[in-house]
Each structure stands twice: as C-alpha cells, then as structure tokens.
Amino acid sequence: MPTFLIQASYTPDGTKGLLGEGASGRRAAVEQVVAGLGGRVEAMYFAFGADDLIMIVELPDSVSMAAAGLTVKASGALQTRATPLLTLDEIDEAARRQVSFRAPGA
C-alpha cells in the first residue's frame, strides 16, 4: 500500500480547535478519515517550527491521498503537504528500469 509523509501547519482557527479538543481528539479524527479511505496511520507526531503536525499514513492509492488532502485543505483549519514515500525495493526496481533520455543541449 502506498505510504505518504504528511506535513501540516494549523491556521489560527485550527489551533483553537486543537486547544479545545486536544491531541488525542485530533488523532481519533485523523484515524477516522484514513480508515474511511481504507488506510492506516503509521505514525503521528506534533512538532515545533514550520510544521505543527507530521504523519506517516498508508492509503490504497494517490487518489485517496488527494481526496483526503482536498477535504482537509477545504476546511481552512490546516495547510498540508503530502510526499509519497518509496520503499528500498521500489527504488531498486526503478534503478533497474531502462529510461531513454537526452539531457538538454546534449
């Protein structure tokens, strides 16, 4: 199942919601969304700095990730970034594939 790194920062309204609900309440909400799409939350951490929240989630496909991202962003409570994560085996497979490519100017 594809794995994604999610980095998020709360808006002021999202932060107010977090303060009222607590981290465990947000974890339950995230797990409900991810499970509803057929996935699972592998890890979820709160952080300092540019990102308030860092998660690793497994979802059935990129369309499921896009659906979750669009819905969350539309709420206005968070700004998010999703990065697909590849396994070592996937990179080994990619390295074995022949790609025909000509560099610009070559």
PDB file of N, CA and C in Angstrom:
ATOM      1  N   MET A   1       0.853  -1.176   0.000  1.00  0.00           N
ATOM      2  CA  MET A   1       0.000   0.000   0.000  1.00  0.00           C
ATOM      3  C   MET A   1       0.903   1.245   0.000  1.00  0.00           C
ATOM      4  N   PRO A   2       0.614   2.236  -0.838  1.00  0.00           N
ATOM      5  CA  PRO A   2       1.437   3.449  -0.871  1.00  0.00           C
ATOM      6  C   PRO A   2       1.486   4.159   0.481  1.00  0.00           C
ATOM      7  N   THR A   3       2.655   4.700   0.775  1.00  0.00           N
ATOM      8  CA  THR A   3       2.893   5.401   2.039  1.00  0.00           C
ATOM      9  C   THR A   3       3.182   6.865   1.749  1.00  0.00           C
ATOM     10  N   PHE A   4       2.664   7.745   2.598  1.00  0.00           N
ATOM     11  CA  PHE A   4       2.812   9.180   2.406  1.00  0.00           C
ATOM     12  C   PHE A   4       3.284   9.846   3.693  1.00  0.00           C
ATOM     13  N   LEU A   5       4.177  10.816   3.536  1.00  0.00           N
ATOM     14  CA  LEU A   5       4.575  11.707   4.618  1.00  0.00           C
ATOM     15  C   LEU A   5       3.670  12.925   4.516  1.00  0.00           C
ATOM     16  N   ILE A   6       2.968  13.249   5.594  1.00  0.00           N
ATOM     17  CA  ILE A   6       2.093  14.411   5.629  1.00  0.00           C
ATOM     18  C   ILE A   6       2.696  15.417   6.607  1.00  0.00           C
ATOM     19  N   GLN A   7       2.891  16.638   6.139  1.00  0.00           N
ATOM     20  CA  GLN A   7       3.354  17.723   6.992  1.00  0.00           C
ATOM     21  C   GLN A   7       2.261  18.784   6.986  1.00  0.00           C
ATOM     22  N   ALA A   8       1.890  19.246   8.164  1.00  0.00           N
ATOM     23  CA  ALA A   8       0.777  20.187   8.262  1.00  0.00           C
ATOM     24  C   ALA A   8       1.067  21.280   9.267  1.00  0.00           C
ATOM     25  N   SER A   9       0.477  22.429   9.004  1.00  0.00           N
ATOM     26  CA  SER A   9       0.524  23.525   9.966  1.00  0.00           C
ATOM     27  C   SER A   9      -0.901  24.021  10.175  1.00  0.00           C
ATOM     28  N   TYR A  10      -1.231  24.274  11.430  1.00  0.00           N
ATOM     29  CA  TYR A  10      -2.568  24.732  11.778  1.00  0.00           C
ATOM     30  C   TYR A  10      -2.724  26.213  11.494  1.00  0.00           C
ATOM     31  N   THR A  11      -3.893  26.594  11.022  1.00  0.00           N
ATOM     32  CA  THR A  11      -4.257  28.004  10.934  1.00  0.00           C
ATOM     33  C   THR A  11      -4.664  28.447  12.336  1.00  0.00           C
ATOM     34  N   PRO A  12      -4.868  29.746  12.570  1.00  0.00           N
ATOM     35  CA  PRO A  12      -5.331  30.167  13.897  1.00  0.00           C
ATOM     36  C   PRO A  12      -6.626  29.458  14.328  1.00  0.00           C
ATOM     37  N   ASP A  13      -7.582  29.310  13.415  1.00  0.00           N
ATOM     38  CA  ASP A  13      -8.821  28.610  13.783  1.00  0.00           C
ATOM     39  C   ASP A  13      -8.564  27.131  14.076  1.00  0.00           C
ATOM     40  N   GLY A  14      -7.672  26.512  13.292  1.00  0.00           N
ATOM     41  CA  GLY A  14      -7.327  25.119  13.550  1.00  0.00           C
ATOM     42  C   GLY A  14      -6.648  24.941  14.889  1.00  0.00           C
ATOM     43  N   THR A  15      -5.803  25.896  15.261  1.00  0.00           N
ATOM     44  CA  THR A  15      -5.129  25.846  16.559  1.00  0.00           C
ATOM     45  C   THR A  15      -6.134  25.964  17.690  1.00  0.00           C
ATOM     46  N   LYS A  16      -7.128  26.823  17.539  1.00  0.00           N
ATOM     47  CA  LYS A  16      -8.186  26.936  18.554  1.00  0.00           C
ATOM     48  C   LYS A  16      -8.914  25.614  18.715  1.00  0.00           C
ATOM     49  N   GLY A  17      -9.192  24.951  17.587  1.00  0.00           N
ATOM     50  CA  GLY A  17      -9.840  23.640  17.651  1.00  0.00           C
ATOM     51  C   GLY A  17      -8.979  22.613  18.353  1.00  0.00           C
ATOM     52  N   LEU A  18      -7.676  22.619  18.062  1.00  0.00           N
ATOM     53  CA  LEU A  18      -6.747  21.698  18.723  1.00  0.00           C
ATOM     54  C   LEU A  18      -6.712  21.947  20.222  1.00  0.00           C
ATOM     55  N   LEU A  19      -6.672  23.220  20.619  1.00  0.00           N
ATOM     56  CA  LEU A  19      -6.652  23.534  22.054  1.00  0.00           C
ATOM     57  C   LEU A  19      -7.918  23.037  22.754  1.00  0.00           C
ATOM     58  N   GLY A  20      -9.040  23.125  22.071  1.00  0.00           N
ATOM     59  CA  GLY A  20     -10.296  22.674  22.670  1.00  0.00           C
ATOM     60  C   GLY A  20     -10.458  21.168  22.687  1.00  0.00           C
ATOM     61  N   GLU A  21      -9.932  20.503  21.671  1.00  0.00           N
ATOM     62  CA  GLU A  21     -10.145  19.069  21.503  1.00  0.00           C
ATOM     63  C   GLU A  21      -8.994  18.216  22.030  1.00  0.00           C
ATOM     64  N   GLY A  22      -7.791  18.776  22.016  1.00  0.00           N
ATOM     65  CA  GLY A  22      -6.626  18.022  22.456  1.00  0.00           C
ATOM     66  C   GLY A  22      -6.057  17.155  21.347  1.00  0.00           C
ATOM     67  N   ALA A  23      -4.820  16.738  21.541  1.00  0.00           N
ATOM     68  CA  ALA A  23      -4.121  15.931  20.544  1.00  0.00           C
ATOM     69  C   ALA A  23      -4.786  14.576  20.329  1.00  0.00           C
ATOM     70  N   SER A  24      -5.269  13.951  21.400  1.00  0.00           N
ATOM     71  CA  SER A  24      -5.896  12.629  21.242  1.00  0.00           C
ATOM     72  C   SER A  24      -7.189  12.725  20.440  1.00  0.00           C
ATOM     73  N   GLY A  25      -7.894  13.841  20.564  1.00  0.00           N
ATOM     74  CA  GLY A  25      -9.096  14.045  19.763  1.00  0.00           C
ATOM     75  C   GLY A  25      -8.767  14.197  18.294  1.00  0.00           C
ATOM     76  N   ARG A  26      -7.683  14.894  17.987  1.00  0.00           N
ATOM     77  CA  ARG A  26      -7.258  15.048  16.599  1.00  0.00           C
ATOM     78  C   ARG A  26      -6.780  13.723  16.034  1.00  0.00           C
ATOM     79  N   ARG A  27      -6.072  12.934  16.845  1.00  0.00           N
ATOM     80  CA  ARG A  27      -5.616  11.615  16.387  1.00  0.00           C
ATOM     81  C   ARG A  27      -6.809  10.756  15.991  1.00  0.00           C
ATOM     82  N   ALA A  28      -7.854  10.763  16.820  1.00  0.00           N
ATOM     83  CA  ALA A  28      -9.058   9.982  16.506  1.00  0.00           C
ATOM     84  C   ALA A  28      -9.692  10.458  15.205  1.00  0.00           C
ATOM     85  N   ALA A  29      -9.723  11.774  14.990  1.00  0.00           N
ATOM     86  CA  ALA A  29     -10.309  12.317  13.763  1.00  0.00           C
ATOM     87  C   ALA A  29      -9.491  11.906  12.535  1.00  0.00           C
ATOM     88  N   VAL A  30      -8.173  11.962  12.662  1.00  0.00           N
ATOM     89  CA  VAL A  30      -7.297  11.573  11.551  1.00  0.00           C
ATOM     90  C   VAL A  30      -7.462  10.088  11.250  1.00  0.00           C
ATOM     91  N   GLU A  31      -7.470   9.271  12.290  1.00  0.00           N
ATOM     92  CA  GLU A  31      -7.626   7.829  12.083  1.00  0.00           C
ATOM     93  C   GLU A  31      -8.958   7.507  11.415  1.00  0.00           C
ATOM     94  N   GLN A  32     -10.006   8.234  11.762  1.00  0.00           N
ATOM     95  CA  GLN A  32     -11.315   8.009  11.145  1.00  0.00           C
ATOM     96  C   GLN A  32     -11.271   8.311   9.647  1.00  0.00           C
ATOM     97  N   VAL A  33     -10.641   9.424   9.281  1.00  0.00           N
ATOM     98  CA  VAL A  33     -10.528   9.792   7.866  1.00  0.00           C
ATOM     99  C   VAL A  33      -9.720   8.749   7.102  1.00  0.00           C
ATOM    100  N   VAL A  34      -8.549   8.402   7.630  1.00  0.00           N
ATOM    101  CA  VAL A  34      -7.654   7.481   6.935  1.00  0.00           C
ATOM    102  C   VAL A  34      -8.281   6.088   6.836  1.00  0.00           C
ATOM    103  N   ALA A  35      -8.869   5.601   7.918  1.00  0.00           N
ATOM    104  CA  ALA A  35      -9.519   4.282   7.886  1.00  0.00           C
ATOM    105  C   ALA A  35     -10.708   4.287   6.928  1.00  0.00           C
ATOM    106  N   GLY A  36     -11.428   5.398   6.883  1.00  0.00           N
ATOM    107  CA  GLY A  36     -12.564   5.507   5.974  1.00  0.00           C
ATOM    108  C   GLY A  36     -12.165   5.410   4.510  1.00  0.00           C
ATOM    109  N   LEU A  37     -10.917   5.719   4.223  1.00  0.00           N
ATOM    110  CA  LEU A  37     -10.388   5.610   2.861  1.00  0.00           C
ATOM    111  C   LEU A  37      -9.660   4.285   2.641  1.00  0.00           C
ATOM    112  N   GLY A  38      -9.702   3.406   3.638  1.00  0.00           N
ATOM    113  CA  GLY A  38      -9.076   2.088   3.506  1.00  0.00           C
ATOM    114  C   GLY A  38      -7.615   2.046   3.888  1.00  0.00           C
ATOM    115  N   GLY A  39      -7.152   3.049   4.655  1.00  0.00           N
ATOM    116  CA  GLY A  39      -5.746   3.104   5.028  1.00  0.00           C
ATOM    117  C   GLY A  39      -5.525   2.984   6.518  1.00  0.00           C
ATOM    118  N   ARG A  40      -4.295   3.324   6.927  1.00  0.00           N
ATOM    119  CA  ARG A  40      -3.966   3.306   8.352  1.00  0.00           C
ATOM    120  C   ARG A  40      -2.930   4.377   8.646  1.00  0.00           C
ATOM    121  N   VAL A  41      -2.953   4.867   9.881  1.00  0.00           N
ATOM    122  CA  VAL A  41      -1.968   5.837  10.353  1.00  0.00           C
ATOM    123  C   VAL A  41      -0.809   5.055  10.947  1.00  0.00           C
ATOM    124  N   GLU A  42       0.372   5.213  10.368  1.00  0.00           N
ATOM    125  CA  GLU A  42       1.554   4.520  10.875  1.00  0.00           C
ATOM    126  C   GLU A  42       2.183   5.302  12.025  1.00  0.00           C
ATOM    127  N   ALA A  43       2.238   6.625  11.899  1.00  0.00           N
ATOM    128  CA  ALA A  43       2.829   7.462  12.946  1.00  0.00           C
ATOM    129  C   ALA A  43       2.214   8.848  12.870  1.00  0.00           C
ATOM    130  N   MET A  44       2.118   9.499  14.033  1.00  0.00           N
ATOM    131  CA  MET A  44       1.587  10.856  14.102  1.00  0.00           C
ATOM    132  C   MET A  44       2.300  11.578  15.235  1.00  0.00           C
ATOM    133  N   TYR A  45       2.929  12.704  14.884  1.00  0.00           N
ATOM    134  CA  TYR A  45       3.677  13.478  15.861  1.00  0.00           C
ATOM    135  C   TYR A  45       3.326  14.952  15.738  1.00  0.00           C
ATOM    136  N   PHE A  46       3.306  15.642  16.859  1.00  0.00           N
ATOM    137  CA  PHE A  46       3.215  17.096  16.857  1.00  0.00           C
ATOM    138  C   PHE A  46       4.636  17.626  16.956  1.00  0.00           C
ATOM    139  N   ALA A  47       4.879  18.816  16.389  1.00  0.00           N
ATOM    140  CA  ALA A  47       6.238  19.334  16.300  1.00  0.00           C
ATOM    141  C   ALA A  47       6.249  20.839  16.506  1.00  0.00           C
ATOM    142  N   PHE A  48       7.448  21.387  16.694  1.00  0.00           N
ATOM    143  CA  PHE A  48       7.671  22.828  16.743  1.00  0.00           C
ATOM    144  C   PHE A  48       8.209  23.258  15.390  1.00  0.00           C
ATOM    145  N   GLY A  49       8.059  24.526  15.055  1.00  0.00           N
ATOM    146  CA  GLY A  49       8.644  25.040  13.826  1.00  0.00           C
ATOM    147  C   GLY A  49       7.604  25.263  12.753  1.00  0.00           C
ATOM    148  N   ALA A  50       8.029  25.143  11.497  1.00  0.00           N
ATOM    149  CA  ALA A  50       7.138  25.405  10.365  1.00  0.00           C
ATOM    150  C   ALA A  50       5.981  24.419  10.317  1.00  0.00           C
ATOM    151  N   ASP A  51       6.215  23.186  10.740  1.00  0.00           N
ATOM    152  CA  ASP A  51       5.166  22.161  10.754  1.00  0.00           C
ATOM    153  C   ASP A  51       4.702  21.911  12.176  1.00  0.00           C
ATOM    154  N   ASP A  52       3.393  21.883  12.348  1.00  0.00           N
ATOM    155  CA  ASP A  52       2.806  21.566  13.651  1.00  0.00           C
ATOM    156  C   ASP A  52       2.541  20.072  13.805  1.00  0.00           C
ATOM    157  N   LEU A  53       2.384  19.407  12.678  1.00  0.00           N
ATOM    158  CA  LEU A  53       1.971  18.010  12.685  1.00  0.00           C
ATOM    159  C   LEU A  53       2.715  17.271  11.585  1.00  0.00           C
ATOM    160  N   ILE A  54       3.247  16.086  11.924  1.00  0.00           N
ATOM    161  CA  ILE A  54       3.923  15.229  10.950  1.00  0.00           C
ATOM    162  C   ILE A  54       3.339  13.832  11.097  1.00  0.00           C
ATOM    163  N   MET A  55       2.930  13.265   9.965  1.00  0.00           N
ATOM    164  CA  MET A  55       2.317  11.936   9.987  1.00  0.00           C
ATOM    165  C   MET A  55       2.875  11.071   8.871  1.00  0.00           C
ATOM    166  N   ILE A  56       2.849   9.790   9.089  1.00  0.00           N
ATOM    167  CA  ILE A  56       3.090   8.817   8.026  1.00  0.00           C
ATOM    168  C   ILE A  56       1.829   7.970   7.950  1.00  0.00           C
ATOM    169  N   VAL A  57       1.229   7.952   6.764  1.00  0.00           N
ATOM    170  CA  VAL A  57      -0.010   7.206   6.564  1.00  0.00           C
ATOM    171  C   VAL A  57       0.118   6.298   5.356  1.00  0.00           C
ATOM    172  N   GLU A  58      -0.593   5.192   5.412  1.00  0.00           N
ATOM    173  CA  GLU A  58      -0.716   4.297   4.270  1.00  0.00           C
ATOM    174  C   GLU A  58      -2.125   4.454   3.728  1.00  0.00           C
ATOM    175  N   LEU A  59      -2.235   4.623   2.410  1.00  0.00           N
ATOM    176  CA  LEU A  59      -3.528   4.733   1.750  1.00  0.00           C
ATOM    177  C   LEU A  59      -3.521   3.855   0.508  1.00  0.00           C
ATOM    178  N   PRO A  60      -4.689   3.417   0.052  1.00  0.00           N
ATOM    179  CA  PRO A  60      -4.728   2.493  -1.084  1.00  0.00           C
ATOM    180  C   PRO A  60      -4.113   3.048  -2.374  1.00  0.00           C
ATOM    181  N   ASP A  61      -4.181   4.378  -2.577  1.00  0.00           N
ATOM    182  CA  ASP A  61      -3.693   4.955  -3.829  1.00  0.00           C
ATOM    183  C   ASP A  61      -3.574   6.471  -3.705  1.00  0.00           C
ATOM    184  N   SER A  62      -3.021   7.075  -4.741  1.00  0.00           N
ATOM    185  CA  SER A  62      -2.827   8.529  -4.750  1.00  0.00           C
ATOM    186  C   SER A  62      -4.151   9.285  -4.785  1.00  0.00           C
ATOM    187  N   VAL A  63      -5.161   8.701  -5.400  1.00  0.00           N
ATOM    188  CA  VAL A  63      -6.470   9.361  -5.449  1.00  0.00           C
ATOM    189  C   VAL A  63      -7.042   9.487  -4.038  1.00  0.00           C
ATOM    190  N   SER A  64      -6.863   8.476  -3.213  1.00  0.00           N
ATOM    191  CA  SER A  64      -7.325   8.544  -1.819  1.00  0.00           C
ATOM    192  C   SER A  64      -6.581   9.641  -1.075  1.00  0.00           C
ATOM    193  N   MET A  65      -5.267   9.764  -1.313  1.00  0.00           N
ATOM    194  CA  MET A  65      -4.485  10.822  -0.680  1.00  0.00           C
ATOM    195  C   MET A  65      -4.978  12.180  -1.132  1.00  0.00           C
ATOM    196  N   ALA A  66      -5.251  12.325  -2.429  1.00  0.00           N
ATOM    197  CA  ALA A  66      -5.753  13.594  -2.952  1.00  0.00           C
ATOM    198  C   ALA A  66      -7.112  13.929  -2.351  1.00  0.00           C
ATOM    199  N   ALA A  67      -7.986  12.951  -2.214  1.00  0.00           N
ATOM    200  CA  ALA A  67      -9.314  13.186  -1.629  1.00  0.00           C
ATOM    201  C   ALA A  67      -9.188  13.685  -0.198  1.00  0.00           C
ATOM    202  N   ALA A  68      -8.329  13.047   0.586  1.00  0.00           N
ATOM    203  CA  ALA A  68      -8.132  13.476   1.972  1.00  0.00           C
ATOM    204  C   ALA A  68      -7.542  14.885   2.011  1.00  0.00           C
ATOM    205  N   GLY A  69      -6.530  15.135   1.184  1.00  0.00           N
ATOM    206  CA  GLY A  69      -5.879  16.435   1.169  1.00  0.00           C
ATOM    207  C   GLY A  69      -6.824  17.559   0.780  1.00  0.00           C
ATOM    208  N   LEU A  70      -7.626  17.335  -0.236  1.00  0.00           N
ATOM    209  CA  LEU A  70      -8.579  18.352  -0.666  1.00  0.00           C
ATOM    210  C   LEU A  70      -9.597  18.672   0.427  1.00  0.00           C
ATOM    211  N   THR A  71     -10.093  17.632   1.072  1.00  0.00           N
ATOM    212  CA  THR A  71     -11.094  17.823   2.125  1.00  0.00           C
ATOM    213  C   THR A  71     -10.513  18.577   3.309  1.00  0.00           C
ATOM    214  N   VAL A  72      -9.303  18.198   3.729  1.00  0.00           N
ATOM    215  CA  VAL A  72      -8.658  18.857   4.862  1.00  0.00           C
ATOM    216  C   VAL A  72      -8.356  20.316   4.527  1.00  0.00           C
ATOM    217  N   LYS A  73      -7.802  20.566   3.356  1.00  0.00           N
ATOM    218  CA  LYS A  73      -7.476  21.942   2.969  1.00  0.00           C
ATOM    219  C   LYS A  73      -8.724  22.808   2.850  1.00  0.00           C
ATOM    220  N   ALA A  74      -9.807  22.230   2.357  1.00  0.00           N
ATOM    221  CA  ALA A  74     -11.053  22.984   2.208  1.00  0.00           C
ATOM    222  C   ALA A  74     -11.626  23.422   3.547  1.00  0.00           C
ATOM    223  N   SER A  75     -11.258  22.722   4.622  1.00  0.00           N
ATOM    224  CA  SER A  75     -11.756  23.088   5.952  1.00  0.00           C
ATOM    225  C   SER A  75     -11.186  24.426   6.405  1.00  0.00           C
ATOM    226  N   GLY A  76     -10.023  24.799   5.870  1.00  0.00           N
ATOM    227  CA  GLY A  76      -9.363  26.028   6.288  1.00  0.00           C
ATOM    228  C   GLY A  76      -8.636  25.919   7.613  1.00  0.00           C
ATOM    229  N   ALA A  77      -8.645  24.740   8.233  1.00  0.00           N
ATOM    230  CA  ALA A  77      -8.021  24.560   9.541  1.00  0.00           C
ATOM    231  C   ALA A  77      -6.537  24.219   9.465  1.00  0.00           C
ATOM    232  N   LEU A  78      -6.105  23.723   8.312  1.00  0.00           N
ATOM    233  CA  LEU A  78      -4.713  23.311   8.151  1.00  0.00           C
ATOM    234  C   LEU A  78      -4.210  23.622   6.750  1.00  0.00           C
ATOM    235  N   GLN A  79      -2.917  23.829   6.658  1.00  0.00           N
ATOM    236  CA  GLN A  79      -2.204  23.829   5.389  1.00  0.00           C
ATOM    237  C   GLN A  79      -1.376  22.550   5.386  1.00  0.00           C
ATOM    238  N   THR A  80      -1.466  21.761   4.314  1.00  0.00           N
ATOM    239  CA  THR A  80      -0.791  20.464   4.310  1.00  0.00           C
ATOM    240  C   THR A  80       0.068  20.268   3.079  1.00  0.00           C
ATOM    241  N   ARG A  81       1.051  19.354   3.224  1.00  0.00           N
ATOM    242  CA  ARG A  81       1.880  18.874   2.122  1.00  0.00           C
ATOM    243  C   ARG A  81       1.939  17.362   2.240  1.00  0.00           C
ATOM    244  N   ALA A  82       1.800  16.681   1.122  1.00  0.00           N
ATOM    245  CA  ALA A  82       1.900  15.222   1.095  1.00  0.00           C
ATOM    246  C   ALA A  82       3.058  14.822   0.187  1.00  0.00           C
ATOM    247  N   THR A  83       3.912  13.943   0.689  1.00  0.00           N
ATOM    248  CA  THR A  83       5.048  13.444  -0.071  1.00  0.00           C
ATOM    249  C   THR A  83       4.949  11.927  -0.155  1.00  0.00           C
ATOM    250  N   PRO A  84       4.891  11.364  -1.377  1.00  0.00           N
ATOM    251  CA  PRO A  84       4.888   9.910  -1.488  1.00  0.00           C
ATOM    252  C   PRO A  84       6.233   9.356  -1.022  1.00  0.00           C
ATOM    253  N   LEU A  85       6.203   8.281  -0.265  1.00  0.00           N
ATOM    254  CA  LEU A  85       7.422   7.631   0.213  1.00  0.00           C
ATOM    255  C   LEU A  85       7.587   6.300  -0.514  1.00  0.00           C
ATOM    256  N   LEU A  86       8.794   6.023  -0.956  1.00  0.00           N
ATOM    257  CA  LEU A  86       9.077   4.794  -1.689  1.00  0.00           C
ATOM    258  C   LEU A  86       9.937   3.877  -0.837  1.00  0.00           C
ATOM    259  N   THR A  87       9.686   2.585  -0.959  1.00  0.00           N
ATOM    260  CA  THR A  87      10.484   1.601  -0.231  1.00  0.00           C
ATOM    261  C   THR A  87      11.820   1.401  -0.934  1.00  0.00           C
ATOM    262  N   LEU A  88      12.754   0.758  -0.252  1.00  0.00           N
ATOM    263  CA  LEU A  88      14.040   0.423  -0.862  1.00  0.00           C
ATOM    264  C   LEU A  88      13.839  -0.461  -2.084  1.00  0.00           C
ATOM    265  N   ASP A  89      12.920  -1.427  -1.988  1.00  0.00           N
ATOM    266  CA  ASP A  89      12.648  -2.314  -3.118  1.00  0.00           C
ATOM    267  C   ASP A  89      12.105  -1.541  -4.315  1.00  0.00           C
ATOM    268  N   GLU A  90      11.258  -0.549  -4.067  1.00  0.00           N
ATOM    269  CA  GLU A  90      10.720   0.248  -5.174  1.00  0.00           C
ATOM    270  C   GLU A  90      11.827   1.037  -5.868  1.00  0.00           C
ATOM    271  N   ILE A  91      12.756   1.592  -5.102  1.00  0.00           N
ATOM    272  CA  ILE A  91      13.871   2.325  -5.698  1.00  0.00           C
ATOM    273  C   ILE A  91      14.797   1.375  -6.446  1.00  0.00           C
ATOM    274  N   ASP A  92      15.034   0.177  -5.891  1.00  0.00           N
ATOM    275  CA  ASP A  92      15.845  -0.808  -6.611  1.00  0.00           C
ATOM    276  C   ASP A  92      15.198  -1.162  -7.951  1.00  0.00           C
ATOM    277  N   GLU A  93      13.886  -1.344  -7.958  1.00  0.00           N
ATOM    278  CA  GLU A  93      13.175  -1.636  -9.203  1.00  0.00           C
ATOM    279  C   GLU A  93      13.296  -0.471 -10.182  1.00  0.00           C
ATOM    280  N   ALA A  94      13.141   0.750  -9.696  1.00  0.00           N
ATOM    281  CA  ALA A  94      13.262   1.929 -10.553  1.00  0.00           C
ATOM    282  C   ALA A  94      14.673   2.022 -11.149  1.00  0.00           C
ATOM    283  N   ALA A  95      15.682   1.696 -10.363  1.00  0.00           N
ATOM    284  CA  ALA A  95      17.070   1.773 -10.835  1.00  0.00           C
ATOM    285  C   ALA A  95      17.348   0.756 -11.930  1.00  0.00           C
ATOM    286  N   ARG A  96      16.629  -0.360 -11.930  1.00  0.00           N
ATOM    287  CA  ARG A  96      16.819  -1.399 -12.948  1.00  0.00           C
ATOM    288  C   ARG A  96      16.122  -1.071 -14.266  1.00  0.00           C
ATOM    289  N   ARG A  97      15.162  -0.168 -14.250  1.00  0.00           N
ATOM    290  CA  ARG A  97      14.417   0.156 -15.473  1.00  0.00           C
ATOM    291  C   ARG A  97      15.263   1.011 -16.416  1.00  0.00           C
ATOM    292  N   GLN A  98      15.177   0.659 -17.688  1.00  0.00           N
ATOM    293  CA  GLN A  98      15.872   1.419 -18.720  1.00  0.00           C
ATOM    294  C   GLN A  98      15.012   2.614 -19.109  1.00  0.00           C
ATOM    295  N   VAL A  99      15.619   3.799 -19.108  1.00  0.00           N
ATOM    296  CA  VAL A  99      14.930   5.024 -19.457  1.00  0.00           C
ATOM    297  C   VAL A  99      15.705   5.701 -20.583  1.00  0.00           C
ATOM    298  N   SER A 100      15.028   5.969 -21.678  1.00  0.00           N
ATOM    299  CA  SER A 100      15.657   6.685 -22.783  1.00  0.00           C
ATOM    300  C   SER A 100      15.519   8.184 -22.516  1.00  0.00           C
ATOM    301  N   PHE A 101      16.666   8.868 -22.375  1.00  0.00           N
ATOM    302  CA  PHE A 101      16.646  10.280 -22.021  1.00  0.00           C
ATOM    303  C   PHE A 101      17.816  10.998 -22.669  1.00  0.00           C
ATOM    304  N   ARG A 102      17.564  12.182 -23.186  1.00  0.00           N
ATOM    305  CA  ARG A 102      18.614  13.037 -23.705  1.00  0.00           C
ATOM    306  C   ARG A 102      18.599  14.322 -22.892  1.00  0.00           C
ATOM    307  N   ALA A 103      19.728  14.664 -22.290  1.00  0.00           N
ATOM    308  CA  ALA A 103      19.821  15.877 -21.488  1.00  0.00           C
ATOM    309  C   ALA A 103      19.696  17.104 -22.388  1.00  0.00           C
ATOM    310  N   PRO A 104      19.155  18.203 -21.868  1.00  0.00           N
ATOM    311  CA  PRO A 104      19.054  19.426 -22.679  1.00  0.00           C
ATOM    312  C   PRO A 104      20.426  19.842 -23.194  1.00  0.00           C
ATOM    313  N   GLY A 105      20.483  20.159 -24.484  1.00  0.00           N
ATOM    314  CA  GLY A 105      21.737  20.612 -25.082  1.00  0.00           C
ATOM    315  C   GLY A 105      22.692  19.501 -25.471  1.00  0.00           C
ATOM    316  N   ALA A 106      22.347  18.258 -25.160  1.00  0.00           N
ATOM    317  CA  ALA A 106      23.248  17.139 -25.469  1.00  0.00           C
ATOM    318  C   ALA A 106      23.029  16.615 -26.871  1.00  0.00           C
TER     319      ALA A 106
END
